Amino acid sequence: MYSLKPEVLSSWEELGRLLLADEFLETPSTGAPYDKSHVSSRILDEVLPIFTQQDYQIRMLVEGLAQLIYKATIKGPNDLAVSYFVPYSTWKLSGQTWQMLFHQGTSCEPFDVFSNNVQ
């Protein structure tokens, strides 16, 4: 999954082209949703966290629209502990590229992390 790779997360051009649809909306744990323009305003100033991701499930909702569910961890540069969550995202096929329309991560209990999936 390319979305959590540092070369994508740290580049607004790559995020815009590869990942985020113009209609993108994310609901973070604070509950205050933000859109593609909010992501672009903060992406270059962020120190990237370390992510893991595994156990992917893909559901086709209709042709050209899919839901991705997986397990993930995140550890920010100043965090002492790792956070565990289950991200849910909706993706649309735009030409030849899948782009994310919506994303939300739900906290979950800790799980065993496969050692080869650190991003």
N, C-alpha and C. Protein backbone atom coordinates (compact mmCIF):
# COMPACT_ATOMS: atom_id res chain seq x y z
N MET A 1 0.84 -1.18 0.00
CA MET A 1 0.00 0.00 0.00
C MET A 1 0.88 1.23 0.00
N TYR A 2 0.77 2.06 -0.99
CA TYR A 2 1.66 3.20 -1.11
C TYR A 2 1.29 4.38 -0.24
N SER A 3 0.09 4.46 0.31
CA SER A 3 -0.37 5.67 0.97
C SER A 3 0.43 6.07 2.21
N LEU A 4 1.05 5.13 2.91
CA LEU A 4 1.77 5.47 4.12
C LEU A 4 3.28 5.54 3.92
N LYS A 5 3.74 5.39 2.72
CA LYS A 5 5.17 5.49 2.47
C LYS A 5 5.62 6.94 2.60
N PRO A 6 6.78 7.18 3.25
CA PRO A 6 7.23 8.55 3.47
C PRO A 6 7.34 9.38 2.20
N GLU A 7 7.75 8.78 1.09
CA GLU A 7 7.90 9.56 -0.14
C GLU A 7 6.56 10.04 -0.68
N VAL A 8 5.48 9.38 -0.31
CA VAL A 8 4.15 9.85 -0.69
C VAL A 8 3.63 10.84 0.33
N LEU A 9 3.73 10.50 1.61
CA LEU A 9 3.20 11.37 2.67
C LEU A 9 3.89 12.72 2.74
N SER A 10 5.14 12.80 2.37
CA SER A 10 5.86 14.06 2.49
C SER A 10 5.82 14.90 1.22
N SER A 11 5.14 14.47 0.22
CA SER A 11 5.08 15.20 -1.05
C SER A 11 3.64 15.54 -1.40
N TRP A 12 3.32 16.84 -1.40
CA TRP A 12 1.96 17.24 -1.75
C TRP A 12 1.63 16.82 -3.18
N GLU A 13 2.59 16.90 -4.08
CA GLU A 13 2.36 16.50 -5.47
C GLU A 13 1.97 15.02 -5.55
N GLU A 14 2.69 14.16 -4.82
CA GLU A 14 2.39 12.73 -4.83
C GLU A 14 1.05 12.44 -4.15
N LEU A 15 0.78 13.11 -3.03
CA LEU A 15 -0.52 12.92 -2.36
C LEU A 15 -1.66 13.30 -3.29
N GLY A 16 -1.54 14.44 -3.92
CA GLY A 16 -2.60 14.90 -4.82
C GLY A 16 -2.79 14.01 -6.02
N ARG A 17 -1.70 13.52 -6.57
CA ARG A 17 -1.77 12.70 -7.78
C ARG A 17 -2.15 11.26 -7.47
N LEU A 18 -1.52 10.68 -6.46
CA LEU A 18 -1.68 9.26 -6.20
C LEU A 18 -2.79 8.92 -5.22
N LEU A 19 -3.03 9.77 -4.28
CA LEU A 19 -3.80 9.32 -3.14
C LEU A 19 -5.14 10.02 -2.95
N LEU A 20 -5.15 11.32 -2.90
CA LEU A 20 -6.35 12.02 -2.46
C LEU A 20 -7.20 12.53 -3.61
N ALA A 21 -8.48 12.16 -3.57
CA ALA A 21 -9.44 12.71 -4.53
C ALA A 21 -9.73 14.16 -4.13
N ASP A 22 -10.19 14.95 -5.08
CA ASP A 22 -10.53 16.34 -4.78
C ASP A 22 -11.60 16.42 -3.69
N GLU A 23 -12.47 15.44 -3.61
CA GLU A 23 -13.56 15.42 -2.63
C GLU A 23 -13.15 14.79 -1.29
N PHE A 24 -11.87 14.52 -1.10
CA PHE A 24 -11.37 13.83 0.08
C PHE A 24 -11.87 14.48 1.38
N LEU A 25 -12.22 13.61 2.35
CA LEU A 25 -12.62 14.04 3.69
C LEU A 25 -12.08 13.02 4.68
N GLU A 26 -11.47 13.51 5.75
CA GLU A 26 -10.99 12.62 6.81
C GLU A 26 -11.62 13.05 8.13
N THR A 27 -12.00 12.06 8.91
CA THR A 27 -12.51 12.32 10.25
C THR A 27 -11.48 11.77 11.24
N PRO A 28 -10.67 12.64 11.85
CA PRO A 28 -9.67 12.18 12.81
C PRO A 28 -10.30 11.91 14.18
N SER A 29 -9.48 11.48 15.11
CA SER A 29 -9.99 11.13 16.43
C SER A 29 -10.60 12.32 17.17
N THR A 30 -10.24 13.54 16.78
CA THR A 30 -10.82 14.72 17.40
C THR A 30 -12.27 14.92 16.99
N GLY A 31 -12.68 14.30 15.89
CA GLY A 31 -14.05 14.44 15.40
C GLY A 31 -14.25 15.63 14.49
N ALA A 32 -13.25 16.48 14.34
CA ALA A 32 -13.35 17.65 13.47
C ALA A 32 -12.82 17.28 12.08
N PRO A 33 -13.71 17.06 11.10
CA PRO A 33 -13.25 16.59 9.79
C PRO A 33 -12.42 17.63 9.06
N TYR A 34 -11.55 17.14 8.18
CA TYR A 34 -10.81 18.05 7.32
C TYR A 34 -10.73 17.48 5.91
N ASP A 35 -10.40 18.37 4.98
CA ASP A 35 -10.44 18.02 3.56
C ASP A 35 -9.04 18.06 2.95
N LYS A 36 -8.99 17.93 1.63
CA LYS A 36 -7.73 17.88 0.90
C LYS A 36 -6.91 19.16 1.10
N SER A 37 -7.56 20.31 1.13
CA SER A 37 -6.81 21.56 1.30
C SER A 37 -6.17 21.64 2.69
N HIS A 38 -6.82 21.10 3.70
CA HIS A 38 -6.24 21.08 5.05
C HIS A 38 -4.99 20.20 5.07
N VAL A 39 -5.05 19.07 4.42
CA VAL A 39 -3.89 18.18 4.34
C VAL A 39 -2.73 18.91 3.67
N SER A 40 -3.01 19.61 2.57
CA SER A 40 -1.95 20.30 1.85
C SER A 40 -1.33 21.41 2.68
N SER A 41 -2.11 22.05 3.56
CA SER A 41 -1.58 23.16 4.35
C SER A 41 -0.65 22.69 5.47
N ARG A 42 -0.74 21.44 5.88
CA ARG A 42 0.09 20.99 7.00
C ARG A 42 1.13 19.95 6.62
N ILE A 43 1.06 19.36 5.44
CA ILE A 43 1.89 18.20 5.11
C ILE A 43 3.39 18.50 5.12
N LEU A 44 3.79 19.66 4.64
CA LEU A 44 5.22 19.94 4.54
C LEU A 44 5.85 20.28 5.89
N ASP A 45 5.04 20.64 6.88
CA ASP A 45 5.56 21.00 8.20
C ASP A 45 5.61 19.82 9.16
N GLU A 46 5.02 18.71 8.80
CA GLU A 46 4.92 17.58 9.72
C GLU A 46 6.19 16.73 9.72
N VAL A 47 6.56 16.27 10.91
CA VAL A 47 7.57 15.23 11.03
C VAL A 47 6.79 13.93 10.98
N LEU A 48 7.12 13.10 10.02
CA LEU A 48 6.32 11.91 9.76
C LEU A 48 6.45 10.86 10.86
N PRO A 49 5.33 10.29 11.25
CA PRO A 49 5.35 9.20 12.22
C PRO A 49 5.78 7.90 11.55
N ILE A 50 5.98 6.87 12.35
CA ILE A 50 6.27 5.54 11.83
C ILE A 50 4.98 4.75 11.85
N PHE A 51 4.61 4.17 10.71
CA PHE A 51 3.39 3.39 10.57
C PHE A 51 3.72 1.92 10.34
N THR A 52 2.82 1.05 10.74
CA THR A 52 2.77 -0.32 10.24
C THR A 52 1.36 -0.52 9.72
N GLN A 53 1.21 -1.46 8.83
CA GLN A 53 -0.12 -1.78 8.29
C GLN A 53 -0.13 -3.24 7.86
N GLN A 54 -1.27 -3.90 8.10
CA GLN A 54 -1.37 -5.32 7.79
C GLN A 54 -2.83 -5.75 7.77
N ASP A 55 -3.06 -7.00 7.40
CA ASP A 55 -4.38 -7.63 7.43
C ASP A 55 -5.43 -6.87 6.61
N TYR A 56 -5.11 -6.63 5.36
CA TYR A 56 -6.01 -5.86 4.48
C TYR A 56 -7.27 -6.64 4.12
N GLN A 57 -8.38 -5.93 4.08
CA GLN A 57 -9.63 -6.45 3.56
C GLN A 57 -10.16 -5.41 2.57
N ILE A 58 -10.51 -5.85 1.38
CA ILE A 58 -11.07 -4.94 0.38
C ILE A 58 -12.46 -5.41 0.03
N ARG A 59 -13.39 -4.48 0.06
CA ARG A 59 -14.78 -4.77 -0.33
C ARG A 59 -15.15 -3.86 -1.50
N MET A 60 -15.57 -4.46 -2.58
CA MET A 60 -16.07 -3.66 -3.70
C MET A 60 -17.51 -3.27 -3.36
N LEU A 61 -17.78 -1.98 -3.29
CA LEU A 61 -19.11 -1.48 -2.96
C LEU A 61 -19.99 -1.44 -4.20
N VAL A 62 -19.46 -0.87 -5.26
CA VAL A 62 -20.04 -0.88 -6.61
C VAL A 62 -18.85 -0.79 -7.56
N GLU A 63 -19.09 -0.92 -8.83
CA GLU A 63 -17.98 -0.83 -9.78
C GLU A 63 -17.30 0.54 -9.64
N GLY A 64 -15.99 0.52 -9.44
CA GLY A 64 -15.21 1.75 -9.33
C GLY A 64 -15.22 2.38 -7.95
N LEU A 65 -15.79 1.70 -6.95
CA LEU A 65 -15.83 2.23 -5.58
C LEU A 65 -15.56 1.07 -4.61
N ALA A 66 -14.53 1.24 -3.77
CA ALA A 66 -14.13 0.16 -2.88
C ALA A 66 -13.90 0.70 -1.47
N GLN A 67 -14.03 -0.20 -0.49
CA GLN A 67 -13.71 0.11 0.90
C GLN A 67 -12.50 -0.72 1.29
N LEU A 68 -11.53 -0.08 1.91
CA LEU A 68 -10.33 -0.73 2.40
C LEU A 68 -10.33 -0.67 3.93
N ILE A 69 -10.14 -1.82 4.56
CA ILE A 69 -10.06 -1.92 6.02
C ILE A 69 -8.78 -2.69 6.34
N TYR A 70 -8.03 -2.22 7.32
CA TYR A 70 -6.81 -2.92 7.70
C TYR A 70 -6.44 -2.56 9.13
N LYS A 71 -5.45 -3.23 9.66
CA LYS A 71 -4.92 -2.91 10.98
C LYS A 71 -3.66 -2.07 10.80
N ALA A 72 -3.47 -1.11 11.72
CA ALA A 72 -2.31 -0.24 11.61
C ALA A 72 -1.84 0.20 12.99
N THR A 73 -0.58 0.62 13.02
CA THR A 73 -0.04 1.27 14.22
C THR A 73 0.59 2.58 13.78
N ILE A 74 0.70 3.48 14.74
CA ILE A 74 1.36 4.75 14.48
C ILE A 74 2.15 5.14 15.72
N LYS A 75 3.35 5.64 15.49
CA LYS A 75 4.17 6.15 16.58
C LYS A 75 4.78 7.46 16.10
N GLY A 76 4.30 8.54 16.70
CA GLY A 76 4.80 9.85 16.35
C GLY A 76 6.20 10.07 16.88
N PRO A 77 6.90 11.07 16.34
CA PRO A 77 8.28 11.31 16.74
C PRO A 77 8.45 11.63 18.23
N ASN A 78 7.42 12.17 18.87
CA ASN A 78 7.51 12.51 20.29
C ASN A 78 6.68 11.59 21.18
N ASP A 79 6.10 10.55 20.58
CA ASP A 79 5.26 9.62 21.34
C ASP A 79 6.12 8.57 22.04
N LEU A 80 5.73 8.25 23.26
CA LEU A 80 6.42 7.18 23.99
C LEU A 80 5.82 5.81 23.68
N ALA A 81 4.55 5.79 23.29
CA ALA A 81 3.86 4.53 23.05
C ALA A 81 3.34 4.48 21.61
N VAL A 82 3.08 3.27 21.17
CA VAL A 82 2.49 3.03 19.85
C VAL A 82 0.97 3.03 20.01
N SER A 83 0.27 3.63 19.04
CA SER A 83 -1.20 3.58 19.03
C SER A 83 -1.64 2.56 18.00
N TYR A 84 -2.67 1.81 18.32
CA TYR A 84 -3.22 0.78 17.45
C TYR A 84 -4.59 1.23 16.95
N PHE A 85 -4.85 1.01 15.67
CA PHE A 85 -6.14 1.41 15.13
C PHE A 85 -6.50 0.60 13.90
N VAL A 86 -7.78 0.69 13.54
CA VAL A 86 -8.29 0.05 12.33
C VAL A 86 -8.79 1.16 11.40
N PRO A 87 -8.04 1.44 10.33
CA PRO A 87 -8.47 2.45 9.37
C PRO A 87 -9.54 1.90 8.42
N TYR A 88 -10.47 2.75 8.09
CA TYR A 88 -11.50 2.48 7.09
C TYR A 88 -11.38 3.59 6.06
N SER A 89 -11.27 3.23 4.81
CA SER A 89 -11.22 4.25 3.77
C SER A 89 -12.04 3.81 2.57
N THR A 90 -12.56 4.81 1.88
CA THR A 90 -13.33 4.58 0.67
C THR A 90 -12.52 5.13 -0.50
N TRP A 91 -12.40 4.33 -1.54
CA TRP A 91 -11.58 4.66 -2.70
C TRP A 91 -12.42 4.64 -3.97
N LYS A 92 -12.13 5.59 -4.89
CA LYS A 92 -12.80 5.58 -6.19
C LYS A 92 -11.76 5.43 -7.28
N LEU A 93 -12.16 4.77 -8.35
CA LEU A 93 -11.29 4.61 -9.50
C LEU A 93 -11.43 5.85 -10.38
N SER A 94 -10.34 6.55 -10.56
CA SER A 94 -10.31 7.77 -11.37
C SER A 94 -9.36 7.53 -12.53
N GLY A 95 -9.90 7.21 -13.67
CA GLY A 95 -9.05 6.81 -14.80
C GLY A 95 -8.41 5.48 -14.50
N GLN A 96 -7.09 5.45 -14.41
CA GLN A 96 -6.33 4.25 -14.07
C GLN A 96 -5.87 4.22 -12.61
N THR A 97 -6.22 5.26 -11.84
CA THR A 97 -5.70 5.42 -10.49
C THR A 97 -6.81 5.37 -9.45
N TRP A 98 -6.55 4.65 -8.36
CA TRP A 98 -7.47 4.64 -7.23
C TRP A 98 -7.12 5.81 -6.32
N GLN A 99 -8.14 6.61 -5.95
CA GLN A 99 -7.93 7.75 -5.07
C GLN A 99 -8.87 7.66 -3.87
N MET A 100 -8.36 8.11 -2.73
CA MET A 100 -9.13 8.03 -1.49
C MET A 100 -10.14 9.18 -1.41
N LEU A 101 -11.38 8.80 -1.12
CA LEU A 101 -12.46 9.77 -0.92
C LEU A 101 -12.65 10.09 0.56
N PHE A 102 -12.55 9.06 1.40
CA PHE A 102 -12.84 9.21 2.82
C PHE A 102 -11.91 8.32 3.63
N HIS A 103 -11.54 8.81 4.82
CA HIS A 103 -10.68 8.03 5.70
C HIS A 103 -11.05 8.30 7.15
N GLN A 104 -11.08 7.22 7.94
CA GLN A 104 -11.28 7.34 9.38
C GLN A 104 -10.59 6.16 10.04
N GLY A 105 -9.86 6.42 11.12
CA GLY A 105 -9.22 5.36 11.88
C GLY A 105 -9.90 5.22 13.23
N THR A 106 -10.20 3.99 13.62
CA THR A 106 -10.84 3.71 14.89
C THR A 106 -9.84 3.01 15.81
N SER A 107 -9.65 3.54 17.01
CA SER A 107 -8.73 2.92 17.97
C SER A 107 -9.16 1.49 18.26
N CYS A 108 -8.17 0.64 18.53
CA CYS A 108 -8.47 -0.76 18.84
C CYS A 108 -7.47 -1.28 19.87
N GLU A 109 -7.70 -2.48 20.34
CA GLU A 109 -6.79 -3.14 21.27
C GLU A 109 -5.48 -3.47 20.55
N PRO A 110 -4.36 -3.51 21.28
CA PRO A 110 -3.09 -3.91 20.66
C PRO A 110 -3.18 -5.28 20.00
N PHE A 111 -2.41 -5.46 18.95
CA PHE A 111 -2.35 -6.72 18.21
C PHE A 111 -0.90 -7.01 17.87
N ASP A 112 -0.61 -8.26 17.50
CA ASP A 112 0.76 -8.63 17.09
C ASP A 112 1.05 -7.98 15.74
N VAL A 113 2.19 -7.32 15.67
CA VAL A 113 2.61 -6.64 14.44
C VAL A 113 3.61 -7.53 13.71
N PHE A 114 3.35 -7.76 12.41
CA PHE A 114 4.30 -8.51 11.60
C PHE A 114 5.53 -7.66 11.40
N SER A 115 6.70 -8.20 11.61
CA SER A 115 7.94 -7.42 11.59
C SER A 115 8.30 -6.88 10.20
N ASN A 116 7.78 -7.45 9.15
CA ASN A 116 8.18 -6.99 7.81
C ASN A 116 7.23 -5.95 7.22
N ASN A 117 6.34 -5.36 8.02
CA ASN A 117 5.41 -4.41 7.45
C ASN A 117 5.59 -2.99 7.97
N VAL A 118 6.74 -2.67 8.54
CA VAL A 118 6.99 -1.30 9.00
C VAL A 118 7.23 -0.42 7.79
N GLN A 119 6.55 0.73 7.77
CA GLN A 119 6.66 1.65 6.63
C GLN A 119 7.50 2.84 7.01
